[in-house]
Amino acid sequence: MHCWEKALLSPFKTLLSHNRLWRQFRNIQAEGVYRASRRIRLWSRILDTAPVITEAVADGQAVDTHILTYSRDYLSAIWALKSFYHYSGVSYPLIIHLQGTVTPRMIARLREHFPTATLITQPEADLNAEHWLMQHGYLVFWRRAGKAP
């Protein structure tokens, strides 16, 4: 590709890269249409299953289940958690950590499938981390600066 072609296409590529539908299209293209359609059908079946009721989170609990997820993989997290609780036969308290941008649809689906789970968003986690770090000396300053001691 010539320099002038890159110069002409660069703004167009930048514009498309910020378009959610274009990114979804490119992800499906990279994954393969057949594989993506199988995944979507499987996720639809998983979303049709009954909710999982877990124990409430309590201080002094011997075991909690934690999972970290974000907007692009929360459906896989639902699948993994439902499989875990189904095959293990346990009802450990569930804490779901949501990283990055959280959509109302994501929250609704997680609440629908795990009504007793505790959901912790990124801003909540950041506040808790800041509070804890402030109690432990200069660690909070290194965290804000993005540097380790």
Foldseek 3Di string as FASTA:
>chain_A
DDPVVCVVCVVVVVVLVPDPVSVVVVVCVVVDVVVVVVVVVVLVVLLPDQAAEADADDPPDPDAAEDEDEDVCLSVVSVVVVVCCVVVVHRHAYEYEYEDDDDPVSVVSVCRRYVRHHYHYPVNVVVVVLVVVVVVPPSNVCVVVVHDD
